[in-house]
Amino acid sequence: MRKFQSFSASVESSLLQPPKTPNESDMYAEPENFLEIEVANPKTHFPHAENRGMYTDYEVICRTNLPSFTKRTSKVRRRYSEFELFRKCLLKELSLSSHPKVVVPHLPGKIILGNRFSDEAIEERKQDLNKWMFTVAGHPLLQSGSKVLVRFIENKEFLG
């Protein structure tokens, strides 16, 4: 039979013990739950010889061990218009769910004036999309319950 020990006595005894120093394998072990996401490697496409229909897409790279995701790593390419569709579908999914209010930030604005295919404009958009994606994918309720988020990150084609 275990001897009864009051809460204060057990707290006091635990404070007297030296803290456990993590070993090297603990320090470099994979975190219990994580999701790393990055928007990178922009690529401009020229479908027609006269530069008509040009567009830029971005690689969305994800590494995770969250149970809501089927793949531990994924790389997909997304156009800005697919980010717009993703946001629209995410808002629809959230409006139909019982989640408390989740605020989905606005996407960085469209480039109207200037050359949207300049290296500077593409780099700025990549950084802005990276920040936006980090904010959205970092939300704990979306990580654990959004099927739209999983499809956007994992599926080669995103149809909503």
C-alpha atoms as a PDB file:
ATOM      1  CA  MET A   1       0.000   0.000   0.000  1.00  0.00           C
ATOM      2  CA  ARG A   2       1.313   3.450  -0.930  1.00  0.00           C
ATOM      3  CA  LYS A   3       1.932   5.935   1.799  1.00  0.00           C
ATOM      4  CA  PHE A   4      -0.264   9.041   1.628  1.00  0.00           C
ATOM      5  CA  GLN A   5       1.652  12.202   0.734  1.00  0.00           C
ATOM      6  CA  SER A   6       0.040  15.614   0.723  1.00  0.00           C
ATOM      7  CA  PHE A   7       0.140  17.739  -2.401  1.00  0.00           C
ATOM      8  CA  SER A   8       2.438  20.330  -0.822  1.00  0.00           C
ATOM      9  CA  ALA A   9       4.872  17.635   0.310  1.00  0.00           C
ATOM     10  CA  SER A  10       4.996  16.055  -3.163  1.00  0.00           C
ATOM     11  CA  VAL A  11       5.558  19.463  -4.796  1.00  0.00           C
ATOM     12  CA  GLU A  12       8.288  20.258  -2.281  1.00  0.00           C
ATOM     13  CA  SER A  13      10.036  16.923  -2.882  1.00  0.00           C
ATOM     14  CA  SER A  14       9.893  17.402  -6.650  1.00  0.00           C
ATOM     15  CA  LEU A  15      11.455  20.863  -6.263  1.00  0.00           C
ATOM     16  CA  LEU A  16      14.327  19.400  -4.264  1.00  0.00           C
ATOM     17  CA  GLN A  17      15.235  16.961  -7.046  1.00  0.00           C
ATOM     18  CA  PRO A  18      17.682  18.289  -9.618  1.00  0.00           C
ATOM     19  CA  PRO A  19      16.095  19.019 -12.990  1.00  0.00           C
ATOM     20  CA  LYS A  20      16.402  16.272 -15.537  1.00  0.00           C
ATOM     21  CA  THR A  21      18.914  17.224 -18.187  1.00  0.00           C
ATOM     22  CA  PRO A  22      17.805  16.102 -21.620  1.00  0.00           C
ATOM     23  CA  ASN A  23      20.140  13.803 -23.456  1.00  0.00           C
ATOM     24  CA  GLU A  24      21.234  14.507 -27.015  1.00  0.00           C
ATOM     25  CA  SER A  25      18.558  12.325 -28.622  1.00  0.00           C
ATOM     26  CA  ASP A  26      15.836  14.172 -26.633  1.00  0.00           C
ATOM     27  CA  MET A  27      17.199  17.549 -27.677  1.00  0.00           C
ATOM     28  CA  TYR A  28      17.133  16.710 -31.384  1.00  0.00           C
ATOM     29  CA  ALA A  29      14.016  14.548 -31.399  1.00  0.00           C
ATOM     30  CA  GLU A  30      11.051  15.447 -33.554  1.00  0.00           C
ATOM     31  CA  PRO A  31       8.496  17.529 -31.640  1.00  0.00           C
ATOM     32  CA  GLU A  32       5.322  15.761 -30.585  1.00  0.00           C
ATOM     33  CA  ASN A  33       3.076  17.663 -33.028  1.00  0.00           C
ATOM     34  CA  PHE A  34       4.407  19.996 -35.675  1.00  0.00           C
ATOM     35  CA  LEU A  35       3.566  21.534 -39.012  1.00  0.00           C
ATOM     36  CA  GLU A  36       6.242  23.357 -40.993  1.00  0.00           C
ATOM     37  CA  ILE A  37       5.074  25.187 -44.099  1.00  0.00           C
ATOM     38  CA  GLU A  38       6.877  27.336 -46.624  1.00  0.00           C
ATOM     39  CA  VAL A  39       5.972  29.109 -49.848  1.00  0.00           C
ATOM     40  CA  ALA A  40       9.078  29.063 -52.042  1.00  0.00           C
ATOM     41  CA  ASN A  41      10.564  28.660 -55.520  1.00  0.00           C
ATOM     42  CA  PRO A  42       8.406  30.938 -57.678  1.00  0.00           C
ATOM     43  CA  LYS A  43       8.337  30.006 -61.342  1.00  0.00           C
ATOM     44  CA  THR A  44       6.898  32.102 -64.177  1.00  0.00           C
ATOM     45  CA  HIS A  45       5.319  30.155 -67.050  1.00  0.00           C
ATOM     46  CA  PHE A  46       5.002  31.320 -70.671  1.00  0.00           C
ATOM     47  CA  PRO A  47       2.278  29.157 -72.264  1.00  0.00           C
ATOM     48  CA  HIS A  48       2.207  31.216 -75.495  1.00  0.00           C
ATOM     49  CA  ALA A  49       5.088  32.605 -77.539  1.00  0.00           C
ATOM     50  CA  GLU A  50       3.741  36.193 -77.367  1.00  0.00           C
ATOM     51  CA  ASN A  51       3.816  36.198 -73.533  1.00  0.00           C
ATOM     52  CA  ARG A  52       0.020  35.901 -73.439  1.00  0.00           C
ATOM     53  CA  GLY A  53      -1.315  33.893 -70.529  1.00  0.00           C
ATOM     54  CA  MET A  54       1.828  34.282 -68.426  1.00  0.00           C
ATOM     55  CA  TYR A  55       1.483  33.281 -64.797  1.00  0.00           C
ATOM     56  CA  THR A  56       3.662  32.615 -61.776  1.00  0.00           C
ATOM     57  CA  ASP A  57       3.187  29.727 -59.406  1.00  0.00           C
ATOM     58  CA  TYR A  58       4.814  28.967 -56.074  1.00  0.00           C
ATOM     59  CA  GLU A  59       5.874  25.768 -54.380  1.00  0.00           C
ATOM     60  CA  VAL A  60       4.077  25.047 -51.110  1.00  0.00           C
ATOM     61  CA  ILE A  61       6.313  22.771 -49.044  1.00  0.00           C
ATOM     62  CA  CYS A  62       4.967  21.056 -45.941  1.00  0.00           C
ATOM     63  CA  ARG A  63       6.445  18.764 -43.314  1.00  0.00           C
ATOM     64  CA  THR A  64       4.195  17.511 -40.528  1.00  0.00           C
ATOM     65  CA  ASN A  65       3.324  14.640 -38.233  1.00  0.00           C
ATOM     66  CA  LEU A  66      -0.197  15.825 -37.454  1.00  0.00           C
ATOM     67  CA  PRO A  67      -2.749  12.993 -37.664  1.00  0.00           C
ATOM     68  CA  SER A  68      -5.147  15.045 -39.815  1.00  0.00           C
ATOM     69  CA  PHE A  69      -2.597  14.917 -42.669  1.00  0.00           C
ATOM     70  CA  THR A  70      -2.064  11.749 -44.698  1.00  0.00           C
ATOM     71  CA  LYS A  71       1.442  12.665 -45.916  1.00  0.00           C
ATOM     72  CA  ARG A  72       4.407  13.530 -43.715  1.00  0.00           C
ATOM     73  CA  THR A  73       5.953  15.653 -46.468  1.00  0.00           C
ATOM     74  CA  SER A  74       4.409  17.258 -49.516  1.00  0.00           C
ATOM     75  CA  LYS A  75       5.330  19.700 -52.275  1.00  0.00           C
ATOM     76  CA  VAL A  76       2.694  21.213 -54.536  1.00  0.00           C
ATOM     77  CA  ARG A  77       2.698  24.182 -56.907  1.00  0.00           C
ATOM     78  CA  ARG A  78      -0.001  26.844 -56.522  1.00  0.00           C
ATOM     79  CA  ARG A  79      -0.964  29.941 -58.482  1.00  0.00           C
ATOM     80  CA  TYR A  80      -2.220  33.073 -56.729  1.00  0.00           C
ATOM     81  CA  SER A  81      -5.741  32.297 -57.991  1.00  0.00           C
ATOM     82  CA  GLU A  82      -5.559  28.938 -56.161  1.00  0.00           C
ATOM     83  CA  PHE A  83      -4.669  30.757 -52.934  1.00  0.00           C
ATOM     84  CA  GLU A  84      -7.793  32.878 -53.526  1.00  0.00           C
ATOM     85  CA  LEU A  85      -9.910  29.747 -54.055  1.00  0.00           C
ATOM     86  CA  PHE A  86      -8.362  28.165 -50.953  1.00  0.00           C
ATOM     87  CA  ARG A  87      -9.299  31.167 -48.806  1.00  0.00           C
ATOM     88  CA  LYS A  88     -12.842  31.182 -50.221  1.00  0.00           C
ATOM     89  CA  CYS A  89     -13.284  27.433 -49.530  1.00  0.00           C
ATOM     90  CA  LEU A  90     -11.784  27.781 -46.057  1.00  0.00           C
ATOM     91  CA  LEU A  91     -14.261  30.531 -45.169  1.00  0.00           C
ATOM     92  CA  LYS A  92     -17.119  28.364 -46.478  1.00  0.00           C
ATOM     93  CA  GLU A  93     -15.888  25.348 -44.471  1.00  0.00           C
ATOM     94  CA  LEU A  94     -15.632  27.456 -41.316  1.00  0.00           C
ATOM     95  CA  SER A  95     -19.128  28.919 -41.783  1.00  0.00           C
ATOM     96  CA  LEU A  96     -20.555  25.384 -41.906  1.00  0.00           C
ATOM     97  CA  SER A  97     -18.586  24.084 -38.913  1.00  0.00           C
ATOM     98  CA  SER A  98     -19.159  24.377 -35.192  1.00  0.00           C
ATOM     99  CA  HIS A  99     -15.706  25.895 -34.617  1.00  0.00           C
ATOM    100  CA  PRO A 100     -15.559  29.103 -32.677  1.00  0.00           C
ATOM    101  CA  LYS A 101     -14.904  32.108 -34.862  1.00  0.00           C
ATOM    102  CA  VAL A 102     -11.607  31.606 -36.709  1.00  0.00           C
ATOM    103  CA  VAL A 103     -10.347  34.722 -38.439  1.00  0.00           C
ATOM    104  CA  VAL A 104      -8.788  34.022 -41.827  1.00  0.00           C
ATOM    105  CA  PRO A 105      -6.660  37.002 -42.842  1.00  0.00           C
ATOM    106  CA  HIS A 106      -6.965  38.601 -46.259  1.00  0.00           C
ATOM    107  CA  LEU A 107      -4.494  37.551 -48.916  1.00  0.00           C
ATOM    108  CA  PRO A 108      -1.831  40.002 -50.003  1.00  0.00           C
ATOM    109  CA  GLY A 109      -3.348  42.224 -52.676  1.00  0.00           C
ATOM    110  CA  LYS A 110      -3.247  41.690 -56.416  1.00  0.00           C
ATOM    111  CA  ILE A 111      -0.561  43.563 -58.313  1.00  0.00           C
ATOM    112  CA  ILE A 112      -2.458  46.008 -60.511  1.00  0.00           C
ATOM    113  CA  LEU A 113       0.085  48.691 -61.339  1.00  0.00           C
ATOM    114  CA  GLY A 114       3.611  47.877 -62.395  1.00  0.00           C
ATOM    115  CA  ASN A 115       5.107  44.703 -63.746  1.00  0.00           C
ATOM    116  CA  ARG A 116       3.745  41.762 -61.774  1.00  0.00           C
ATOM    117  CA  PHE A 117       6.342  39.525 -63.429  1.00  0.00           C
ATOM    118  CA  SER A 118       9.375  41.516 -62.275  1.00  0.00           C
ATOM    119  CA  ASP A 119      11.763  39.655 -59.978  1.00  0.00           C
ATOM    120  CA  GLU A 120      11.080  42.159 -57.172  1.00  0.00           C
ATOM    121  CA  ALA A 121       7.289  41.829 -57.416  1.00  0.00           C
ATOM    122  CA  ILE A 122       7.460  38.025 -57.499  1.00  0.00           C
ATOM    123  CA  GLU A 123       9.822  37.906 -54.511  1.00  0.00           C
ATOM    124  CA  GLU A 124       7.620  40.287 -52.511  1.00  0.00           C
ATOM    125  CA  ARG A 125       4.505  38.247 -53.297  1.00  0.00           C
ATOM    126  CA  LYS A 126       6.309  35.024 -52.332  1.00  0.00           C
ATOM    127  CA  GLN A 127       7.255  36.511 -48.949  1.00  0.00           C
ATOM    128  CA  ASP A 128       3.726  37.822 -48.392  1.00  0.00           C
ATOM    129  CA  LEU A 129       2.148  34.471 -49.327  1.00  0.00           C
ATOM    130  CA  ASN A 130       4.638  32.706 -47.058  1.00  0.00           C
ATOM    131  CA  LYS A 131       3.591  34.900 -44.088  1.00  0.00           C
ATOM    132  CA  TRP A 132      -0.086  34.402 -44.931  1.00  0.00           C
ATOM    133  CA  MET A 133       0.263  30.622 -45.229  1.00  0.00           C
ATOM    134  CA  PHE A 134       2.239  30.453 -41.970  1.00  0.00           C
ATOM    135  CA  THR A 135      -0.571  32.314 -40.179  1.00  0.00           C
ATOM    136  CA  VAL A 136      -3.390  30.213 -41.652  1.00  0.00           C
ATOM    137  CA  ALA A 137      -1.706  26.799 -41.385  1.00  0.00           C
ATOM    138  CA  GLY A 138      -0.438  27.657 -37.896  1.00  0.00           C
ATOM    139  CA  HIS A 139      -3.941  27.989 -36.448  1.00  0.00           C
ATOM    140  CA  PRO A 140      -4.509  24.971 -34.143  1.00  0.00           C
ATOM    141  CA  LEU A 141      -8.205  24.574 -35.051  1.00  0.00           C
ATOM    142  CA  LEU A 142      -7.409  24.544 -38.760  1.00  0.00           C
ATOM    143  CA  GLN A 143      -4.487  22.132 -38.297  1.00  0.00           C
ATOM    144  CA  SER A 144      -6.676  19.597 -36.561  1.00  0.00           C
ATOM    145  CA  GLY A 145      -9.977  19.988 -38.353  1.00  0.00           C
ATOM    146  CA  SER A 146      -9.771  21.599 -41.803  1.00  0.00           C
ATOM    147  CA  LYS A 147     -10.144  19.209 -44.724  1.00  0.00           C
ATOM    148  CA  VAL A 148      -9.703  22.184 -47.090  1.00  0.00           C
ATOM    149  CA  LEU A 149      -6.286  22.969 -45.570  1.00  0.00           C
ATOM    150  CA  VAL A 150      -5.172  19.348 -45.984  1.00  0.00           C
ATOM    151  CA  ARG A 151      -6.335  19.244 -49.631  1.00  0.00           C
ATOM    152  CA  PHE A 152      -4.606  22.537 -50.435  1.00  0.00           C
ATOM    153  CA  ILE A 153      -1.312  21.368 -48.952  1.00  0.00           C
ATOM    154  CA  GLU A 154      -1.324  17.726 -50.102  1.00  0.00           C
ATOM    155  CA  ASN A 155      -3.233  17.380 -53.400  1.00  0.00           C
ATOM    156  CA  LYS A 156      -1.376  18.025 -56.651  1.00  0.00           C
ATOM    157  CA  GLU A 157      -4.498  19.713 -58.039  1.00  0.00           C
ATOM    158  CA  PHE A 158      -6.614  21.901 -55.797  1.00  0.00           C
ATOM    159  CA  LEU A 159     -10.231  22.057 -56.899  1.00  0.00           C
ATOM    160  CA  GLY A 160     -11.655  23.383 -53.647  1.00  0.00           C
END
